[in-house]
């Protein structure tokens, strides 16, 4: 993943922050800007790792999910 990313930070009415990396398609949140950004870093890393694996996604196992 390159370094050319634009991160959006949004403060909600309850004071929590959302951090969004639209290019990577990942978002996270936290009670502070710093926490939201740290959580976004973790979420982005895990997302990239998952996208790079060739393991098939598990089949959904929920009674309300109709394939």
Protein backbone atom coordinates (compact mmCIF):
# COMPACT_ATOMS: atom_id res chain seq x y z
CA UNK A 1 0.00 0.00 0.00
CA UNK A 2 1.43 3.34 -1.00
CA UNK A 3 1.67 6.46 1.08
CA UNK A 4 -0.75 8.51 -1.04
CA UNK A 5 -3.79 8.41 1.22
CA UNK A 6 -6.22 11.09 2.24
CA UNK A 7 -7.66 10.51 5.71
CA UNK A 8 -10.96 12.10 6.70
CA UNK A 9 -11.58 12.84 10.37
CA UNK A 10 -15.14 13.48 11.50
CA UNK A 11 -16.23 14.41 15.01
CA UNK A 12 -19.69 13.12 15.93
CA UNK A 13 -22.14 14.95 18.18
CA UNK A 14 -21.23 12.61 21.04
CA UNK A 15 -17.55 13.63 20.82
CA UNK A 16 -16.31 10.41 19.24
CA UNK A 17 -14.14 10.57 16.12
CA UNK A 18 -14.32 8.61 12.88
CA UNK A 19 -11.22 8.19 10.72
CA UNK A 20 -11.81 7.15 7.12
CA UNK A 21 -9.34 6.08 4.45
CA UNK A 22 -11.53 6.07 1.35
CA UNK A 23 -8.79 4.80 -0.96
CA UNK A 24 -8.29 1.70 1.18
CA UNK A 25 -12.01 1.44 1.93
CA UNK A 26 -11.40 1.27 5.67
CA UNK A 27 -12.87 3.24 8.56
CA UNK A 28 -12.52 3.20 12.32
CA UNK A 29 -13.45 5.27 15.33
CA UNK A 30 -12.34 6.26 18.80
CA UNK A 31 -13.03 8.65 21.66
CA UNK A 32 -10.19 10.94 20.51
CA UNK A 33 -8.68 11.89 17.16
CA UNK A 34 -5.47 10.09 18.07
CA UNK A 35 -7.27 6.89 19.04
CA UNK A 36 -9.37 6.97 15.87
CA UNK A 37 -6.20 7.31 13.77
CA UNK A 38 -4.43 4.52 15.68
CA UNK A 39 -7.46 2.27 15.23
CA UNK A 40 -7.53 3.14 11.52
CA UNK A 41 -3.88 2.13 11.18
CA UNK A 42 -4.62 -1.24 12.80
CA UNK A 43 -7.77 -1.79 10.74
CA UNK A 44 -5.98 -0.87 7.51
CA UNK A 45 -3.10 -3.24 8.26
CA UNK A 46 -5.48 -6.11 8.99
CA UNK A 47 -7.54 -5.34 5.89
CA UNK A 48 -4.47 -5.32 3.64
CA UNK A 49 -3.28 -8.61 5.15
CA UNK A 50 -6.71 -10.19 4.62
CA UNK A 51 -6.89 -8.96 1.04
CA UNK A 52 -3.45 -10.39 0.30
CA UNK A 53 -4.27 -13.88 1.54
CA UNK A 54 -5.74 -16.38 -0.87
CA UNK A 55 -7.90 -18.05 1.75
CA UNK A 56 -11.55 -18.15 0.78
CA UNK A 57 -13.95 -16.28 3.02
CA UNK A 58 -15.95 -18.51 5.33
CA UNK A 59 -19.54 -19.27 4.43
CA UNK A 60 -22.01 -17.19 6.42
CA UNK A 61 -23.66 -19.17 9.21
CA UNK A 62 -26.59 -17.04 10.30
CA UNK A 63 -30.28 -17.94 10.00
CA UNK A 64 -31.17 -14.47 8.74
CA UNK A 65 -28.59 -14.53 5.93
CA UNK A 66 -29.92 -15.75 2.63
CA UNK A 67 -27.22 -16.55 0.06
